[in-house]
């Protein structure tokens, strides 16, 4: 079955950096767009960044544009989120997700993603 496993979360000071990884198994990884979402306490899960199946196109939420970079390695079945200049408002559980059935090149809607990881906590102290 499909499994997505995130890693790389932790505690970091404001202005610092973290790199999240997501390892995928059980799917033809290189065929599908992948996304990163986050959910802060008391808030809805929101789109952070997405990447086309080939890695040739990316899309970001305005709140992270210029600070975060999504990338993928189809040979390793992994997707990454490099997070720089972190702010306290970036504190959340971060999830990677795979969009198996979406027609969109880079879906941004949570409902377009079929498979989800368990999440990794990112805490930014101010």
N, C-alpha and C. Protein backbone atom coordinates (compact mmCIF):
# COMPACT_ATOMS: atom_id res chain seq x y z
N UNK A 1 0.83 -1.18 0.00
CA UNK A 1 0.00 0.00 0.00
C UNK A 1 0.87 1.25 0.00
N UNK A 2 0.25 2.37 -0.29
CA UNK A 2 0.98 3.62 -0.37
C UNK A 2 1.37 4.08 1.04
N UNK A 3 2.64 4.46 1.18
CA UNK A 3 3.12 5.01 2.45
C UNK A 3 3.94 6.25 2.17
N UNK A 4 3.66 7.30 2.92
CA UNK A 4 4.45 8.52 2.88
C UNK A 4 4.97 8.77 4.28
N UNK A 5 6.28 8.94 4.41
CA UNK A 5 6.88 9.10 5.73
C UNK A 5 7.72 10.37 5.74
N UNK A 6 7.30 11.33 6.55
CA UNK A 6 8.04 12.59 6.67
C UNK A 6 9.11 12.49 7.76
N UNK A 7 10.13 13.31 7.59
CA UNK A 7 11.18 13.43 8.60
C UNK A 7 11.80 14.81 8.48
N UNK A 8 12.56 15.18 9.51
CA UNK A 8 13.30 16.43 9.45
C UNK A 8 12.74 17.56 10.26
N UNK A 9 11.59 17.35 10.88
CA UNK A 9 11.02 18.40 11.71
C UNK A 9 11.82 18.58 12.99
N UNK A 10 11.48 19.64 13.73
CA UNK A 10 12.17 19.88 14.99
C UNK A 10 11.93 21.28 15.49
N UNK A 11 12.76 21.67 16.46
CA UNK A 11 12.68 22.99 17.06
C UNK A 11 13.80 23.86 16.50
N UNK A 12 13.47 25.05 16.06
CA UNK A 12 14.46 25.95 15.48
C UNK A 12 14.12 27.38 15.89
N UNK A 13 15.14 28.21 15.99
CA UNK A 13 14.90 29.62 16.31
C UNK A 13 14.43 30.37 15.08
N UNK A 14 13.71 31.43 15.33
CA UNK A 14 13.26 32.28 14.24
C UNK A 14 14.46 32.74 13.42
N UNK A 15 14.30 32.71 12.11
CA UNK A 15 15.39 33.04 11.21
C UNK A 15 16.21 31.85 10.78
N UNK A 16 15.99 30.73 11.41
CA UNK A 16 16.73 29.52 11.09
C UNK A 16 16.15 28.75 9.92
N UNK A 17 16.72 27.58 9.68
CA UNK A 17 16.31 26.74 8.54
C UNK A 17 16.09 25.30 8.98
N UNK A 18 15.24 24.64 8.23
CA UNK A 18 15.01 23.20 8.37
C UNK A 18 14.76 22.63 6.99
N UNK A 19 15.09 21.36 6.84
CA UNK A 19 14.79 20.67 5.59
C UNK A 19 13.96 19.44 5.91
N UNK A 20 12.75 19.41 5.39
CA UNK A 20 11.88 18.26 5.56
C UNK A 20 12.04 17.32 4.38
N UNK A 21 11.92 16.03 4.67
CA UNK A 21 11.97 15.01 3.63
C UNK A 21 10.72 14.15 3.74
N UNK A 22 10.34 13.58 2.63
CA UNK A 22 9.19 12.67 2.59
C UNK A 22 9.55 11.52 1.66
N UNK A 23 9.57 10.33 2.22
CA UNK A 23 9.89 9.13 1.44
C UNK A 23 8.59 8.41 1.09
N UNK A 24 8.44 8.09 -0.18
CA UNK A 24 7.21 7.46 -0.67
C UNK A 24 7.47 6.03 -1.11
N UNK A 25 6.54 5.14 -0.78
CA UNK A 25 6.58 3.77 -1.26
C UNK A 25 5.18 3.35 -1.67
N UNK A 26 5.11 2.33 -2.54
CA UNK A 26 3.82 1.78 -2.93
C UNK A 26 3.10 2.51 -4.03
N UNK A 27 3.78 3.43 -4.71
CA UNK A 27 3.17 4.15 -5.82
C UNK A 27 4.24 4.47 -6.86
N UNK A 28 3.79 4.75 -8.07
CA UNK A 28 4.71 5.16 -9.13
C UNK A 28 4.99 6.64 -8.92
N UNK A 29 5.92 6.89 -8.02
CA UNK A 29 6.15 8.23 -7.49
C UNK A 29 6.35 9.26 -8.59
N UNK A 30 7.10 8.92 -9.61
CA UNK A 30 7.46 9.90 -10.64
C UNK A 30 6.29 10.31 -11.52
N UNK A 31 5.13 9.69 -11.34
CA UNK A 31 3.97 9.99 -12.18
C UNK A 31 3.05 11.06 -11.61
N UNK A 32 3.24 11.44 -10.34
CA UNK A 32 2.24 12.24 -9.66
C UNK A 32 2.81 13.52 -9.05
N UNK A 33 1.97 14.55 -9.03
CA UNK A 33 2.37 15.75 -8.28
C UNK A 33 2.38 15.45 -6.79
N UNK A 34 3.24 16.17 -6.09
CA UNK A 34 3.35 16.03 -4.64
C UNK A 34 3.17 17.40 -4.00
N UNK A 35 2.70 17.39 -2.78
CA UNK A 35 2.49 18.65 -2.09
C UNK A 35 2.89 18.57 -0.63
N UNK A 36 3.15 19.74 -0.08
CA UNK A 36 3.35 19.89 1.36
C UNK A 36 2.23 20.78 1.90
N UNK A 37 1.67 20.34 3.00
CA UNK A 37 0.64 21.09 3.72
C UNK A 37 1.09 21.26 5.16
N UNK A 38 0.42 22.14 5.87
CA UNK A 38 0.71 22.30 7.30
C UNK A 38 -0.57 22.60 8.06
N UNK A 39 -0.54 22.25 9.32
CA UNK A 39 -1.70 22.50 10.16
C UNK A 39 -1.22 22.97 11.54
N UNK A 40 -1.59 24.19 11.86
CA UNK A 40 -1.28 24.76 13.17
C UNK A 40 -2.44 24.46 14.12
N UNK A 41 -2.19 24.47 15.42
CA UNK A 41 -3.26 24.19 16.39
C UNK A 41 -4.45 25.12 16.20
N UNK A 42 -5.64 24.52 16.13
CA UNK A 42 -6.86 25.31 15.99
C UNK A 42 -7.12 25.85 14.61
N UNK A 43 -6.28 25.48 13.65
CA UNK A 43 -6.46 25.97 12.28
C UNK A 43 -6.64 24.82 11.32
N UNK A 44 -7.15 25.15 10.14
CA UNK A 44 -7.33 24.14 9.11
C UNK A 44 -5.99 23.82 8.44
N UNK A 45 -5.92 22.63 7.88
CA UNK A 45 -4.72 22.25 7.13
C UNK A 45 -4.65 23.11 5.87
N UNK A 46 -3.49 23.69 5.61
CA UNK A 46 -3.35 24.60 4.48
C UNK A 46 -2.21 24.18 3.56
N UNK A 47 -2.40 24.52 2.29
CA UNK A 47 -1.39 24.24 1.27
C UNK A 47 -0.17 25.11 1.50
N UNK A 48 1.00 24.50 1.35
CA UNK A 48 2.27 25.22 1.49
C UNK A 48 3.00 25.29 0.15
N UNK A 49 3.18 24.12 -0.48
CA UNK A 49 3.94 24.09 -1.72
C UNK A 49 3.59 22.82 -2.48
N UNK A 50 3.70 22.88 -3.80
CA UNK A 50 3.44 21.72 -4.63
C UNK A 50 4.43 21.65 -5.76
N UNK A 51 4.61 20.44 -6.30
CA UNK A 51 5.58 20.23 -7.36
C UNK A 51 5.02 19.25 -8.38
N UNK A 52 5.24 19.57 -9.64
CA UNK A 52 4.79 18.74 -10.75
C UNK A 52 5.49 17.39 -10.72
N UNK A 53 4.91 16.40 -11.38
CA UNK A 53 5.49 15.05 -11.38
C UNK A 53 6.95 15.03 -11.81
N UNK A 54 7.29 15.89 -12.77
CA UNK A 54 8.65 15.92 -13.30
C UNK A 54 9.60 16.76 -12.47
N UNK A 55 9.03 17.57 -11.58
CA UNK A 55 9.86 18.52 -10.84
C UNK A 55 10.07 19.81 -11.60
N UNK A 56 9.52 19.92 -12.81
CA UNK A 56 9.77 21.08 -13.64
C UNK A 56 8.99 22.32 -13.27
N UNK A 57 7.94 22.16 -12.49
CA UNK A 57 7.14 23.31 -12.05
C UNK A 57 6.84 23.19 -10.57
N UNK A 58 6.80 24.33 -9.93
CA UNK A 58 6.47 24.39 -8.50
C UNK A 58 5.49 25.52 -8.25
N UNK A 59 4.83 25.46 -7.11
CA UNK A 59 3.87 26.50 -6.74
C UNK A 59 3.87 26.64 -5.23
N UNK A 60 3.76 27.89 -4.76
CA UNK A 60 3.88 28.15 -3.33
C UNK A 60 2.73 29.01 -2.82
N UNK A 61 2.40 28.79 -1.58
CA UNK A 61 1.50 29.73 -0.90
C UNK A 61 2.22 31.06 -0.74
N UNK A 62 1.47 32.13 -0.79
CA UNK A 62 2.09 33.46 -0.68
C UNK A 62 2.87 33.61 0.63
N UNK A 63 2.39 32.96 1.66
CA UNK A 63 3.02 33.12 2.98
C UNK A 63 4.43 32.54 3.05
N UNK A 64 4.78 31.66 2.12
CA UNK A 64 6.11 31.03 2.18
C UNK A 64 6.95 31.33 0.94
N UNK A 65 6.38 32.00 -0.02
CA UNK A 65 7.09 32.28 -1.27
C UNK A 65 8.36 33.06 -0.99
N UNK A 66 9.46 32.61 -1.58
CA UNK A 66 10.74 33.28 -1.38
C UNK A 66 11.51 32.75 -0.18
N UNK A 67 10.86 31.98 0.68
CA UNK A 67 11.53 31.41 1.87
C UNK A 67 11.63 29.89 1.79
N UNK A 68 10.62 29.25 1.21
CA UNK A 68 10.58 27.79 1.13
C UNK A 68 10.84 27.34 -0.30
N UNK A 69 11.44 26.16 -0.43
CA UNK A 69 11.69 25.57 -1.74
C UNK A 69 11.31 24.10 -1.71
N UNK A 70 10.44 23.71 -2.62
CA UNK A 70 10.07 22.30 -2.74
C UNK A 70 10.88 21.70 -3.88
N UNK A 71 11.29 20.46 -3.70
CA UNK A 71 12.03 19.74 -4.75
C UNK A 71 11.73 18.26 -4.61
N UNK A 72 12.12 17.50 -5.61
CA UNK A 72 11.90 16.06 -5.57
C UNK A 72 13.04 15.34 -6.25
N UNK A 73 13.23 14.10 -5.85
CA UNK A 73 14.20 13.22 -6.47
C UNK A 73 13.44 11.95 -6.85
N UNK A 74 13.07 11.85 -8.10
CA UNK A 74 12.25 10.72 -8.54
C UNK A 74 13.02 9.40 -8.51
N UNK A 75 14.31 9.47 -8.57
CA UNK A 75 15.12 8.24 -8.48
C UNK A 75 15.09 7.66 -7.06
N UNK A 76 14.90 8.55 -6.08
CA UNK A 76 14.86 8.12 -4.68
C UNK A 76 13.44 8.04 -4.13
N UNK A 77 12.46 8.45 -4.93
CA UNK A 77 11.07 8.50 -4.46
C UNK A 77 10.92 9.40 -3.23
N UNK A 78 11.55 10.56 -3.32
CA UNK A 78 11.50 11.48 -2.19
C UNK A 78 11.13 12.90 -2.65
N UNK A 79 10.47 13.60 -1.76
CA UNK A 79 10.17 15.01 -1.97
C UNK A 79 10.67 15.76 -0.74
N UNK A 80 11.11 17.00 -0.96
CA UNK A 80 11.75 17.76 0.09
C UNK A 80 11.11 19.15 0.22
N UNK A 81 11.26 19.72 1.39
CA UNK A 81 10.85 21.10 1.60
C UNK A 81 11.95 21.80 2.38
N UNK A 82 12.69 22.66 1.70
CA UNK A 82 13.71 23.46 2.34
C UNK A 82 13.06 24.73 2.87
N UNK A 83 13.18 24.94 4.16
CA UNK A 83 12.51 26.08 4.81
C UNK A 83 13.57 27.01 5.39
N UNK A 84 13.65 28.20 4.87
CA UNK A 84 14.60 29.20 5.34
C UNK A 84 13.87 30.39 5.95
N UNK A 85 14.60 31.20 6.69
CA UNK A 85 14.03 32.41 7.32
C UNK A 85 12.73 32.09 8.04
N UNK A 86 12.78 31.06 8.84
CA UNK A 86 11.57 30.60 9.51
C UNK A 86 11.05 31.62 10.50
N UNK A 87 9.73 31.67 10.59
CA UNK A 87 9.03 32.60 11.49
C UNK A 87 8.19 31.80 12.48
N UNK A 88 7.81 32.43 13.56
CA UNK A 88 7.00 31.74 14.57
C UNK A 88 5.68 31.26 13.96
N UNK A 89 5.17 32.00 13.00
CA UNK A 89 3.90 31.60 12.37
C UNK A 89 4.03 30.40 11.45
N UNK A 90 5.25 29.92 11.23
CA UNK A 90 5.45 28.69 10.47
C UNK A 90 5.31 27.46 11.35
N UNK A 91 5.15 27.65 12.65
CA UNK A 91 4.99 26.52 13.56
C UNK A 91 3.72 25.75 13.23
N UNK A 92 3.88 24.45 12.98
CA UNK A 92 2.75 23.61 12.58
C UNK A 92 3.24 22.18 12.43
N UNK A 93 2.30 21.28 12.24
CA UNK A 93 2.63 19.94 11.79
C UNK A 93 2.62 19.98 10.26
N UNK A 94 3.69 19.50 9.67
CA UNK A 94 3.84 19.52 8.21
C UNK A 94 3.59 18.12 7.64
N UNK A 95 2.78 18.08 6.59
CA UNK A 95 2.41 16.82 5.96
C UNK A 95 2.81 16.84 4.48
N UNK A 96 3.31 15.71 4.00
CA UNK A 96 3.44 15.59 2.56
C UNK A 96 2.26 14.76 2.05
N UNK A 97 1.94 14.96 0.78
CA UNK A 97 0.77 14.32 0.22
C UNK A 97 0.99 14.06 -1.27
N UNK A 98 0.32 13.03 -1.76
CA UNK A 98 0.40 12.65 -3.16
C UNK A 98 -0.97 12.80 -3.80
N UNK A 99 -0.99 13.39 -5.00
CA UNK A 99 -2.23 13.58 -5.74
C UNK A 99 -2.28 12.56 -6.87
N UNK A 100 -3.01 11.47 -6.65
CA UNK A 100 -3.01 10.36 -7.59
C UNK A 100 -4.01 10.58 -8.71
N UNK A 101 -5.14 11.20 -8.42
CA UNK A 101 -6.24 11.26 -9.38
C UNK A 101 -6.51 12.65 -9.93
N UNK A 102 -5.76 13.65 -9.45
CA UNK A 102 -6.06 15.02 -9.86
C UNK A 102 -5.63 15.27 -11.30
N UNK A 103 -6.41 16.08 -12.00
CA UNK A 103 -6.07 16.48 -13.35
C UNK A 103 -5.15 17.71 -13.35
N UNK A 104 -5.05 18.33 -12.22
CA UNK A 104 -4.25 19.54 -12.13
C UNK A 104 -2.76 19.21 -12.11
N UNK A 105 -1.98 20.05 -12.75
CA UNK A 105 -0.53 19.84 -12.76
C UNK A 105 0.04 19.94 -11.35
N UNK A 106 -0.42 20.96 -10.60
CA UNK A 106 -0.01 21.12 -9.21
C UNK A 106 -1.26 21.50 -8.42
N UNK A 107 -1.95 20.52 -7.88
CA UNK A 107 -3.15 20.83 -7.09
C UNK A 107 -2.81 21.61 -5.83
N UNK A 108 -3.70 22.50 -5.45
CA UNK A 108 -3.50 23.24 -4.21
C UNK A 108 -4.59 22.93 -3.18
N UNK A 109 -5.63 22.26 -3.63
CA UNK A 109 -6.72 21.92 -2.71
C UNK A 109 -6.41 20.65 -1.94
N UNK A 110 -6.70 20.68 -0.67
CA UNK A 110 -6.46 19.52 0.18
C UNK A 110 -7.22 18.30 -0.35
N UNK A 111 -8.38 18.52 -0.90
CA UNK A 111 -9.21 17.40 -1.37
C UNK A 111 -8.68 16.75 -2.63
N UNK A 112 -7.72 17.36 -3.29
CA UNK A 112 -7.12 16.79 -4.50
C UNK A 112 -6.06 15.76 -4.17
N UNK A 113 -5.66 15.68 -2.93
CA UNK A 113 -4.60 14.77 -2.52
C UNK A 113 -5.18 13.52 -1.87
N UNK A 114 -4.71 12.38 -2.34
CA UNK A 114 -5.30 11.11 -1.94
C UNK A 114 -4.58 10.42 -0.79
N UNK A 115 -3.28 10.63 -0.73
CA UNK A 115 -2.48 9.95 0.28
C UNK A 115 -1.68 10.97 1.08
N UNK A 116 -1.57 10.69 2.38
CA UNK A 116 -0.95 11.62 3.31
C UNK A 116 0.03 10.90 4.22
N UNK A 117 1.07 11.61 4.59
CA UNK A 117 1.97 11.10 5.60
C UNK A 117 1.40 11.37 6.98
N UNK A 118 2.15 10.95 8.00
CA UNK A 118 1.69 11.09 9.37
C UNK A 118 2.00 12.46 9.94
N UNK A 119 2.85 13.21 9.27
CA UNK A 119 3.18 14.57 9.70
C UNK A 119 4.44 14.63 10.53
N UNK A 120 5.09 15.79 10.49
CA UNK A 120 6.26 16.04 11.31
C UNK A 120 6.14 17.44 11.90
N UNK A 121 6.42 17.56 13.18
CA UNK A 121 6.24 18.82 13.89
C UNK A 121 7.39 19.77 13.61
N UNK A 122 7.05 21.00 13.27
CA UNK A 122 8.03 22.08 13.14
C UNK A 122 7.64 23.17 14.14
N UNK A 123 8.56 23.49 15.02
CA UNK A 123 8.32 24.52 16.01
C UNK A 123 9.38 25.60 15.87
N UNK A 124 8.94 26.82 15.67
CA UNK A 124 9.85 27.96 15.51
C UNK A 124 9.69 28.86 16.73
N UNK A 125 10.78 29.00 17.47
CA UNK A 125 10.74 29.84 18.66
C UNK A 125 11.18 31.25 18.32
N UNK A 126 10.49 32.21 18.92
CA UNK A 126 10.81 33.61 18.61
C UNK A 126 11.72 34.22 19.68
